[in-house]
N, C-alpha and C. Protein backbone atom coordinates (compact mmCIF):
# COMPACT_ATOMS: atom_id res chain seq x y z
N MET A 1 54.24 117.49 150.82
CA MET A 1 53.28 117.88 151.74
C MET A 1 52.83 116.84 152.95
N ALA A 2 53.24 117.04 153.85
CA ALA A 2 52.71 115.81 154.72
C ALA A 2 51.46 115.88 155.33
N MET A 3 50.73 114.75 155.24
CA MET A 3 49.45 115.49 155.85
C MET A 3 49.11 115.00 157.00
N PRO A 4 48.30 115.75 158.29
CA PRO A 4 47.81 115.71 159.08
C PRO A 4 47.71 113.82 159.47
N GLY A 5 48.10 113.94 160.84
CA GLY A 5 47.80 112.45 161.44
C GLY A 5 48.56 111.53 160.76
N ARG A 6 49.57 111.78 159.60
CA ARG A 6 50.00 110.53 158.82
C ARG A 6 51.64 110.66 159.50
N LEU A 7 52.74 109.65 160.03
CA LEU A 7 53.62 109.47 159.96
C LEU A 7 54.84 109.71 158.94
N THR A 8 55.73 110.56 158.65
CA THR A 8 56.54 110.63 157.30
C THR A 8 57.89 109.61 157.77
N PRO A 9 58.00 108.49 157.27
CA PRO A 9 59.38 107.30 157.87
C PRO A 9 60.23 108.48 157.42
N PRO A 10 61.40 108.01 158.43
CA PRO A 10 62.83 108.72 158.19
C PRO A 10 63.42 108.03 156.80
N PRO A 11 64.16 108.96 156.56
CA PRO A 11 64.73 108.81 155.78
C PRO A 11 66.09 107.45 155.53
N LEU A 12 66.02 107.04 154.59
CA LEU A 12 67.14 105.54 154.52
C LEU A 12 68.10 106.29 155.01
N ASN A 13 69.28 105.12 155.60
CA ASN A 13 70.40 105.51 155.69
C ASN A 13 71.10 104.27 155.44
N GLY A 14 72.64 104.65 155.66
CA GLY A 14 73.66 103.45 155.43
C GLY A 14 73.54 102.11 155.89
N ALA A 15 72.19 102.08 156.91
CA ALA A 15 72.08 100.67 157.49
C ALA A 15 71.07 100.10 157.24
N ASP A 16 70.65 100.72 156.01
CA ASP A 16 69.01 100.04 155.73
C ASP A 16 69.84 98.88 154.53
N ARG A 17 69.02 98.29 154.59
CA ARG A 17 69.53 97.54 153.00
C ARG A 17 68.66 96.71 152.07
N CYS A 18 68.78 96.76 151.26
CA CYS A 18 67.77 95.94 150.06
C CYS A 18 67.05 94.88 150.24
N ASP A 19 66.06 94.40 150.00
CA ASP A 19 65.48 93.50 149.94
C ASP A 19 65.66 92.33 149.35
N ARG A 20 66.48 92.49 148.07
CA ARG A 20 66.64 91.86 147.65
C ARG A 20 68.22 91.19 147.19
N CYS A 21 69.25 92.07 148.17
CA CYS A 21 70.74 92.11 147.78
C CYS A 21 70.95 92.73 149.12
N PRO A 22 72.49 92.56 149.11
CA PRO A 22 72.93 93.18 150.31
C PRO A 22 73.56 94.55 150.26
N VAL A 23 73.04 95.40 149.32
CA VAL A 23 73.48 96.82 148.67
C VAL A 23 72.79 97.70 149.82
N ALA A 24 73.08 98.76 149.94
CA ALA A 24 72.87 100.12 150.73
C ALA A 24 71.11 100.03 149.60
N ALA A 25 69.87 100.23 150.68
CA ALA A 25 68.77 100.49 150.03
C ALA A 25 68.66 101.85 149.64
N ARG A 26 68.33 102.70 148.39
CA ARG A 26 67.78 103.96 148.17
C ARG A 26 66.85 104.05 147.93
N VAL A 27 65.96 103.42 147.66
CA VAL A 27 64.38 103.44 147.29
C VAL A 27 63.40 102.64 148.18
N ARG A 28 62.73 103.39 148.73
CA ARG A 28 61.27 102.88 149.78
C ARG A 28 60.10 102.53 148.89
N ALA A 29 59.71 101.24 148.39
CA ALA A 29 58.14 101.11 148.06
C ALA A 29 57.58 100.96 149.25
N VAL A 30 56.15 102.08 149.40
CA VAL A 30 55.38 101.87 150.28
C VAL A 30 54.21 101.30 150.14
N LEU A 31 53.46 99.55 150.25
CA LEU A 31 52.27 99.42 149.45
C LEU A 31 51.38 98.98 151.42
N PRO A 32 50.53 98.52 150.38
CA PRO A 32 49.17 98.61 151.28
C PRO A 32 49.53 97.58 152.55
N ALA A 33 50.25 96.48 152.15
CA ALA A 33 50.51 95.04 152.86
C ALA A 33 52.03 95.51 154.06
N GLY A 34 52.75 97.02 153.58
CA GLY A 34 53.90 97.05 154.31
C GLY A 34 54.95 97.70 153.19
N GLU A 35 56.23 97.80 153.99
CA GLU A 35 56.89 98.45 153.02
C GLU A 35 58.21 97.65 152.70
N LEU A 36 58.90 98.10 151.48
CA LEU A 36 60.09 97.30 150.85
C LEU A 36 61.12 98.22 150.39
N ARG A 37 62.29 97.60 150.64
CA ARG A 37 63.34 98.60 150.49
C ARG A 37 64.06 98.25 149.62
N PHE A 38 64.79 98.65 148.50
CA PHE A 38 65.75 98.26 147.19
C PHE A 38 66.77 99.16 146.85
N CYS A 39 67.59 98.56 146.35
CA CYS A 39 68.99 99.43 145.52
C CYS A 39 68.40 100.31 144.55
N TRP A 40 69.18 100.87 143.78
CA TRP A 40 69.00 101.63 142.69
C TRP A 40 68.62 100.29 141.67
N HIS A 41 69.43 99.13 141.65
CA HIS A 41 69.43 98.32 140.32
C HIS A 41 67.90 97.23 140.56
N HIS A 42 67.63 97.01 142.01
CA HIS A 42 66.56 96.35 141.81
C HIS A 42 65.18 97.27 141.83
N ALA A 43 65.40 98.35 142.23
CA ALA A 43 64.03 99.10 142.02
C ALA A 43 63.89 99.43 140.86
N ARG A 44 64.40 99.80 139.89
CA ARG A 44 64.61 99.62 138.54
C ARG A 44 63.89 98.84 137.91
N GLU A 45 64.29 97.69 138.25
CA GLU A 45 64.19 96.18 137.64
C GLU A 45 62.44 95.95 138.01
N HIS A 46 62.14 96.51 139.07
CA HIS A 46 60.60 96.40 139.81
C HIS A 46 59.67 97.21 139.78
N ARG A 47 60.07 98.21 139.40
CA ARG A 47 59.49 99.63 139.13
C ARG A 47 57.81 99.42 138.84
N HIS A 48 57.97 98.55 137.28
CA HIS A 48 56.69 98.75 136.69
C HIS A 48 55.60 97.70 137.76
N ARG A 49 55.92 96.54 138.30
CA ARG A 49 55.39 95.67 138.86
C ARG A 49 55.20 96.57 140.25
N LEU A 50 56.00 97.19 141.20
CA LEU A 50 55.61 97.81 142.35
C LEU A 50 54.58 98.80 142.37
N ILE A 51 54.58 99.58 140.96
CA ILE A 51 53.51 100.94 140.92
C ILE A 51 52.31 100.24 140.59
N ALA A 52 52.40 98.64 139.80
CA ALA A 52 51.12 98.22 139.17
C ALA A 52 50.37 97.64 140.45
N ALA A 53 50.75 97.53 141.61
CA ALA A 53 50.48 96.86 143.23
C ALA A 53 50.43 98.15 144.16
N GLY A 54 50.27 99.47 143.30
CA GLY A 54 49.87 100.65 144.23
C GLY A 54 51.05 100.73 145.00
N ALA A 55 51.90 100.46 145.08
CA ALA A 55 53.18 101.34 145.68
C ALA A 55 53.46 102.76 145.47
N VAL A 56 53.84 102.89 146.81
CA VAL A 56 54.01 104.75 146.51
C VAL A 56 55.68 104.50 146.74
N LEU A 57 56.58 105.44 145.72
CA LEU A 57 57.91 104.73 145.49
C LEU A 57 58.83 106.22 146.28
N SER A 58 59.75 106.47 147.02
CA SER A 58 60.19 107.60 147.41
C SER A 58 61.79 107.13 147.02
N TRP A 59 62.48 107.86 146.83
CA TRP A 59 64.10 107.67 146.69
C TRP A 59 64.88 108.71 147.50
N ASN A 60 66.28 107.95 148.14
CA ASN A 60 67.08 109.00 148.43
C ASN A 60 68.42 108.80 147.48
N PRO A 61 68.69 109.98 147.02
CA PRO A 61 69.72 110.06 145.97
C PRO A 61 71.45 109.34 146.58
N PRO A 62 71.92 108.68 145.85
CA PRO A 62 72.97 108.55 146.33
C PRO A 62 73.85 109.05 146.38
N THR A 63 75.25 109.26 147.64
CA THR A 63 76.18 109.79 147.90
C THR A 63 77.04 110.13 147.08
N PRO A 64 77.57 111.33 146.14
CA PRO A 64 77.83 111.35 144.72
C PRO A 64 79.58 111.02 145.06
N LEU A 65 80.11 109.99 144.30
CA LEU A 65 81.40 110.02 144.30
C LEU A 65 82.34 110.05 143.30
N ARG A 66 81.64 110.80 142.18
CA ARG A 66 82.10 111.23 141.35
C ARG A 66 81.87 113.10 141.50
N THR A 67 82.75 113.83 140.86
CA THR A 67 82.62 115.26 140.47
C THR A 67 82.12 115.81 139.36
N ARG A 68 81.98 115.08 138.22
CA ARG A 68 81.60 114.81 137.08
C ARG A 68 80.42 113.80 136.67
N PRO A 69 79.12 114.26 136.00
CA PRO A 69 78.23 113.06 135.70
C PRO A 69 78.88 111.76 134.91
N HIS A 70 77.83 111.06 135.44
CA HIS A 70 78.49 109.38 134.64
C HIS A 70 78.12 109.35 133.40
N PRO A 71 78.92 108.90 132.39
CA PRO A 71 78.55 109.02 131.10
C PRO A 71 77.57 108.23 130.25
N LEU A 72 77.10 107.15 131.18
CA LEU A 72 76.27 106.60 130.72
C LEU A 72 75.13 106.98 131.32
N ARG A 73 74.82 107.58 132.80
CA ARG A 73 73.92 108.09 132.84
C ARG A 73 73.08 109.09 132.12
N ARG A 74 71.59 108.90 132.16
CA ARG A 74 70.70 110.07 131.22
C ARG A 74 69.52 110.42 132.09
N GLY A 75 69.31 111.38 131.68
CA GLY A 75 67.76 111.83 132.44
C GLY A 75 67.94 112.34 133.57
N PRO A 76 67.30 113.18 134.14
CA PRO A 76 67.27 113.78 135.41
C PRO A 76 66.98 113.07 136.56
N HIS A 77 66.35 111.53 136.17
CA HIS A 77 65.83 110.53 137.75
C HIS A 77 65.78 109.48 137.05
N PRO A 78 66.61 108.35 137.99
CA PRO A 78 66.56 107.15 137.36
C PRO A 78 65.39 106.44 137.12
N PHE A 79 64.20 106.86 137.68
CA PHE A 79 62.76 106.19 136.92
C PHE A 79 62.19 106.78 135.84
N ALA A 80 62.81 107.45 135.18
CA ALA A 80 62.56 108.40 134.00
C ALA A 80 62.71 107.33 132.89
């Protein structure tokens, strides 16, 4: 739910890039000092430090390329 007086950032799109590599950004980390964008790999790698620093994480699901679930992916969410 959006709070009155707060702007909701637009969803990430294909033009948004990870701040650590050239891959498309899927996760937004909003910190008191600003915003960072990460691919799934780097978001998972840094998630504990980001949360400890007070970041609010939001994500866009990747565009599905498969019709069946990936055999190695488990859990309902990549941060689970």
